[in-house]
């Protein structure tokens, strides 16, 4: 058995999203990440004890998403995956945020 690397880049490769961060203001959470050249991005969210659910697919060239459907006092977990030519990349770092009334 050997390695058959021919030096060609795999066109199905989609780089992982990096530097995911979140900010909350009342019932909105703003997500920001580093653009990795993907065609689009899948945004996932879960709450304590839950499983991740896809909440959005964005083609934002600014690599941002505004989640306007959150509840004050509930803890949310987010991750983002890049999508290239219909293939989803690996998960970003996870961010945790609890919107508060201020």
N, C-alpha and C. Protein backbone atom coordinates (compact mmCIF):
# COMPACT_ATOMS: atom_id res chain seq x y z
N UNK A 1 0.84 -1.18 0.00
CA UNK A 1 0.00 0.00 0.00
C UNK A 1 0.89 1.24 0.00
N UNK A 2 0.48 2.21 -0.74
CA UNK A 2 1.26 3.43 -0.82
C UNK A 2 0.36 4.63 -0.90
N UNK A 3 0.97 5.76 -0.93
CA UNK A 3 0.25 7.01 -1.04
C UNK A 3 0.23 7.42 -2.51
N UNK A 4 -0.95 7.57 -3.07
CA UNK A 4 -1.08 7.92 -4.47
C UNK A 4 -1.33 9.41 -4.67
N UNK A 5 -0.68 10.23 -3.93
CA UNK A 5 -0.85 11.68 -4.05
C UNK A 5 -0.26 12.14 -5.38
N UNK A 6 -1.09 12.78 -6.18
CA UNK A 6 -0.61 13.23 -7.48
C UNK A 6 -0.34 14.73 -7.52
N UNK A 7 -0.43 15.38 -6.36
CA UNK A 7 -0.15 16.81 -6.30
C UNK A 7 -1.33 17.68 -6.70
N UNK A 8 -2.45 17.08 -7.05
CA UNK A 8 -3.63 17.84 -7.44
C UNK A 8 -4.47 18.17 -6.21
N UNK A 9 -5.09 19.33 -6.22
CA UNK A 9 -5.96 19.74 -5.12
C UNK A 9 -7.31 19.07 -5.31
N UNK A 10 -7.83 18.49 -4.25
CA UNK A 10 -9.15 17.86 -4.27
C UNK A 10 -10.20 18.94 -4.39
N UNK A 11 -10.95 18.95 -5.48
CA UNK A 11 -11.94 19.99 -5.69
C UNK A 11 -13.11 19.88 -4.73
N UNK A 12 -13.27 18.72 -4.05
CA UNK A 12 -14.34 18.56 -3.09
C UNK A 12 -13.97 19.09 -1.71
N UNK A 13 -12.73 19.53 -1.54
CA UNK A 13 -12.27 20.01 -0.24
C UNK A 13 -12.87 21.37 0.06
N UNK A 14 -13.40 21.52 1.25
CA UNK A 14 -13.96 22.79 1.68
C UNK A 14 -13.34 23.13 3.04
N UNK A 15 -12.59 24.22 3.14
CA UNK A 15 -11.90 24.54 4.39
C UNK A 15 -12.86 24.82 5.54
N UNK A 16 -12.42 24.48 6.73
CA UNK A 16 -13.22 24.75 7.92
C UNK A 16 -13.29 26.25 8.20
N UNK A 17 -14.44 26.68 8.67
CA UNK A 17 -14.63 28.06 9.11
C UNK A 17 -13.78 28.28 10.36
N UNK A 18 -13.18 29.46 10.47
CA UNK A 18 -12.35 29.79 11.64
C UNK A 18 -12.84 31.07 12.29
N UNK A 19 -12.43 31.25 13.52
CA UNK A 19 -12.65 32.49 14.28
C UNK A 19 -14.12 32.86 14.45
N UNK A 20 -14.97 31.87 14.68
CA UNK A 20 -16.38 32.16 14.94
C UNK A 20 -16.51 32.88 16.27
N UNK A 21 -17.26 33.99 16.27
CA UNK A 21 -17.52 34.73 17.50
C UNK A 21 -18.98 35.16 17.52
N UNK A 22 -19.48 35.51 18.70
CA UNK A 22 -20.89 35.89 18.84
C UNK A 22 -21.03 37.06 19.79
N UNK A 23 -22.02 37.90 19.49
CA UNK A 23 -22.40 39.00 20.38
C UNK A 23 -23.92 39.01 20.48
N UNK A 24 -24.42 39.31 21.67
CA UNK A 24 -25.86 39.33 21.88
C UNK A 24 -26.33 40.72 22.26
N UNK A 25 -27.51 41.06 21.78
CA UNK A 25 -28.19 42.29 22.17
C UNK A 25 -29.67 41.97 22.25
N UNK A 26 -30.15 41.86 23.49
CA UNK A 26 -31.53 41.49 23.76
C UNK A 26 -31.90 40.19 23.06
N UNK A 27 -32.81 40.21 22.10
CA UNK A 27 -33.29 38.98 21.46
C UNK A 27 -32.61 38.70 20.12
N UNK A 28 -31.39 39.22 19.94
CA UNK A 28 -30.65 38.99 18.71
C UNK A 28 -29.22 38.56 19.02
N UNK A 29 -28.72 37.62 18.25
CA UNK A 29 -27.32 37.20 18.35
C UNK A 29 -26.67 37.41 16.99
N UNK A 30 -25.57 38.12 16.99
CA UNK A 30 -24.81 38.38 15.77
C UNK A 30 -23.60 37.47 15.74
N UNK A 31 -23.46 36.70 14.67
CA UNK A 31 -22.32 35.81 14.49
C UNK A 31 -21.38 36.38 13.44
N UNK A 32 -20.09 36.20 13.65
CA UNK A 32 -19.07 36.68 12.72
C UNK A 32 -17.98 35.62 12.63
N UNK A 33 -17.49 35.36 11.41
CA UNK A 33 -16.41 34.39 11.23
C UNK A 33 -15.52 34.84 10.09
N UNK A 34 -14.38 34.18 9.96
CA UNK A 34 -13.44 34.49 8.90
C UNK A 34 -13.89 33.82 7.60
N UNK A 35 -14.00 34.59 6.54
CA UNK A 35 -14.38 34.07 5.22
C UNK A 35 -13.28 33.13 4.73
N UNK A 36 -13.67 31.92 4.30
CA UNK A 36 -12.68 30.94 3.85
C UNK A 36 -12.83 30.60 2.37
N UNK A 37 -13.55 31.44 1.64
CA UNK A 37 -13.70 31.24 0.20
C UNK A 37 -14.77 30.24 -0.18
N UNK A 38 -15.68 29.93 0.73
CA UNK A 38 -16.75 28.97 0.45
C UNK A 38 -17.84 29.61 -0.41
N UNK A 39 -18.64 28.76 -1.04
CA UNK A 39 -19.79 29.23 -1.81
C UNK A 39 -20.88 29.76 -0.89
N UNK A 40 -21.05 29.10 0.25
CA UNK A 40 -22.05 29.51 1.24
C UNK A 40 -21.64 28.94 2.59
N UNK A 41 -22.44 29.25 3.60
CA UNK A 41 -22.15 28.79 4.96
C UNK A 41 -23.44 28.29 5.60
N UNK A 42 -23.36 27.13 6.27
CA UNK A 42 -24.48 26.60 7.04
C UNK A 42 -24.29 26.98 8.50
N UNK A 43 -25.32 27.59 9.08
CA UNK A 43 -25.27 28.03 10.48
C UNK A 43 -26.12 27.07 11.30
N UNK A 44 -25.52 26.53 12.36
CA UNK A 44 -26.19 25.58 13.24
C UNK A 44 -26.31 26.16 14.64
N UNK A 45 -27.42 25.79 15.33
CA UNK A 45 -27.66 26.26 16.70
C UNK A 45 -28.26 25.14 17.52
N UNK A 46 -27.90 25.14 18.82
CA UNK A 46 -28.56 24.24 19.77
C UNK A 46 -28.67 24.96 21.10
N UNK A 47 -29.50 24.42 21.98
CA UNK A 47 -29.60 24.91 23.35
C UNK A 47 -29.11 23.80 24.27
N UNK A 48 -29.07 24.08 25.58
CA UNK A 48 -28.59 23.08 26.54
C UNK A 48 -29.29 21.75 26.35
N UNK A 49 -28.50 20.69 26.23
CA UNK A 49 -29.04 19.35 26.12
C UNK A 49 -29.63 19.02 24.76
N UNK A 50 -29.59 19.96 23.84
CA UNK A 50 -30.18 19.72 22.53
C UNK A 50 -29.17 19.21 21.52
N UNK A 51 -29.64 19.05 20.31
CA UNK A 51 -28.77 18.67 19.20
C UNK A 51 -28.73 19.83 18.22
N UNK A 52 -27.64 19.93 17.50
CA UNK A 52 -27.50 21.02 16.53
C UNK A 52 -28.54 20.90 15.43
N UNK A 53 -29.15 22.04 15.09
CA UNK A 53 -30.09 22.13 13.99
C UNK A 53 -29.62 23.21 13.03
N UNK A 54 -29.77 22.95 11.74
CA UNK A 54 -29.45 23.94 10.73
C UNK A 54 -30.49 25.04 10.79
N UNK A 55 -30.05 26.29 11.03
CA UNK A 55 -31.00 27.40 11.11
C UNK A 55 -30.89 28.34 9.92
N UNK A 56 -29.79 28.26 9.17
CA UNK A 56 -29.65 29.16 8.02
C UNK A 56 -28.55 28.68 7.09
N UNK A 57 -28.70 29.06 5.83
CA UNK A 57 -27.64 28.93 4.83
C UNK A 57 -27.46 30.32 4.27
N UNK A 58 -26.26 30.86 4.41
CA UNK A 58 -26.03 32.22 3.97
C UNK A 58 -24.93 32.28 2.93
N UNK A 59 -25.10 33.15 1.95
CA UNK A 59 -24.07 33.37 0.94
C UNK A 59 -23.36 34.68 1.21
N UNK A 60 -23.50 35.17 2.42
CA UNK A 60 -22.91 36.45 2.80
C UNK A 60 -21.42 36.49 2.53
N UNK A 61 -20.99 37.43 1.72
CA UNK A 61 -19.56 37.60 1.49
C UNK A 61 -18.89 38.27 2.68
N UNK A 62 -19.69 38.78 3.60
CA UNK A 62 -19.16 39.41 4.81
C UNK A 62 -19.01 38.42 5.95
N UNK A 63 -19.47 37.19 5.76
CA UNK A 63 -19.32 36.12 6.75
C UNK A 63 -19.95 36.48 8.09
N UNK A 64 -21.21 36.88 8.02
CA UNK A 64 -21.97 37.22 9.21
C UNK A 64 -23.36 36.61 9.13
N UNK A 65 -23.98 36.47 10.30
CA UNK A 65 -25.37 36.04 10.35
C UNK A 65 -26.01 36.64 11.59
N UNK A 66 -27.25 37.12 11.47
CA UNK A 66 -27.99 37.67 12.59
C UNK A 66 -29.13 36.72 12.93
N UNK A 67 -29.08 36.14 14.12
CA UNK A 67 -30.14 35.26 14.61
C UNK A 67 -31.08 36.12 15.43
N UNK A 68 -32.23 36.44 14.86
CA UNK A 68 -33.16 37.36 15.51
C UNK A 68 -34.26 36.63 16.28
N UNK A 69 -34.12 35.33 16.47
CA UNK A 69 -35.17 34.57 17.13
C UNK A 69 -34.74 33.94 18.43
N UNK A 70 -33.95 34.64 19.23
CA UNK A 70 -33.47 34.06 20.49
C UNK A 70 -34.24 34.61 21.68
N UNK A 71 -34.15 33.91 22.79
CA UNK A 71 -34.86 34.28 24.01
C UNK A 71 -33.86 34.72 25.08
N UNK A 72 -34.15 35.83 25.72
CA UNK A 72 -33.30 36.33 26.80
C UNK A 72 -33.22 35.28 27.90
N UNK A 73 -32.01 35.01 28.39
CA UNK A 73 -31.78 34.07 29.47
C UNK A 73 -31.55 32.63 29.03
N UNK A 74 -31.72 32.33 27.76
CA UNK A 74 -31.47 30.99 27.24
C UNK A 74 -30.05 30.91 26.69
N UNK A 75 -29.35 29.84 27.01
CA UNK A 75 -27.99 29.66 26.51
C UNK A 75 -28.04 28.97 25.15
N UNK A 76 -27.33 29.56 24.20
CA UNK A 76 -27.28 29.04 22.83
C UNK A 76 -25.85 28.67 22.47
N UNK A 77 -25.73 27.62 21.66
CA UNK A 77 -24.44 27.16 21.14
C UNK A 77 -24.53 27.24 19.62
N UNK A 78 -23.49 27.77 19.01
CA UNK A 78 -23.48 27.92 17.55
C UNK A 78 -22.22 27.30 16.97
N UNK A 79 -22.34 26.82 15.74
CA UNK A 79 -21.19 26.45 14.92
C UNK A 79 -21.57 26.73 13.47
N UNK A 80 -20.56 26.89 12.63
CA UNK A 80 -20.78 27.19 11.22
C UNK A 80 -19.94 26.23 10.39
N UNK A 81 -20.51 25.77 9.28
CA UNK A 81 -19.78 24.91 8.35
C UNK A 81 -19.76 25.57 6.98
N UNK A 82 -18.63 25.52 6.32
CA UNK A 82 -18.52 26.04 4.96
C UNK A 82 -19.13 25.03 3.99
N UNK A 83 -19.60 25.54 2.84
CA UNK A 83 -20.15 24.69 1.79
C UNK A 83 -19.48 25.08 0.47
N UNK A 84 -18.85 24.11 -0.18
CA UNK A 84 -18.17 24.33 -1.46
C UNK A 84 -18.67 23.31 -2.47
N UNK A 85 -19.22 23.78 -3.56
CA UNK A 85 -19.73 22.90 -4.61
C UNK A 85 -20.68 21.85 -4.05
N UNK A 86 -21.50 22.26 -3.09
CA UNK A 86 -22.49 21.37 -2.49
C UNK A 86 -21.97 20.44 -1.41
N UNK A 87 -20.67 20.51 -1.11
CA UNK A 87 -20.07 19.65 -0.10
C UNK A 87 -19.81 20.47 1.16
N UNK A 88 -20.30 19.97 2.29
CA UNK A 88 -20.13 20.68 3.56
C UNK A 88 -18.78 20.35 4.17
N UNK A 89 -18.08 21.38 4.62
CA UNK A 89 -16.79 21.21 5.30
C UNK A 89 -16.98 20.85 6.76
N UNK A 90 -15.88 20.78 7.49
CA UNK A 90 -15.93 20.47 8.91
C UNK A 90 -16.47 21.63 9.72
N UNK A 91 -16.73 21.37 10.98
CA UNK A 91 -17.32 22.37 11.87
C UNK A 91 -16.30 23.41 12.31
N UNK A 92 -16.79 24.62 12.51
CA UNK A 92 -15.98 25.69 13.10
C UNK A 92 -15.82 25.42 14.58
N UNK A 93 -15.15 26.33 15.25
CA UNK A 93 -15.18 26.30 16.71
C UNK A 93 -16.62 26.56 17.16
N UNK A 94 -16.94 26.11 18.36
CA UNK A 94 -18.26 26.34 18.94
C UNK A 94 -18.21 27.60 19.78
N UNK A 95 -19.27 28.42 19.69
CA UNK A 95 -19.39 29.57 20.58
C UNK A 95 -20.65 29.41 21.41
N UNK A 96 -20.60 29.91 22.63
CA UNK A 96 -21.71 29.84 23.56
C UNK A 96 -22.07 31.24 23.99
N UNK A 97 -23.37 31.54 24.02
CA UNK A 97 -23.79 32.88 24.41
C UNK A 97 -25.17 32.81 25.06
N UNK A 98 -25.38 33.67 26.07
CA UNK A 98 -26.67 33.77 26.74
C UNK A 98 -27.13 35.22 26.67
N UNK A 99 -28.10 35.53 25.82
CA UNK A 99 -28.59 36.91 25.73
C UNK A 99 -29.19 37.35 27.06
N UNK A 100 -28.91 38.59 27.43
CA UNK A 100 -29.39 39.13 28.70
C UNK A 100 -30.13 40.44 28.46
N UNK A 101 -31.06 40.75 29.35
CA UNK A 101 -31.77 42.03 29.28
C UNK A 101 -30.85 43.10 29.83
N UNK A 102 -30.61 44.15 29.04
CA UNK A 102 -29.73 45.23 29.49
C UNK A 102 -30.34 46.55 29.14
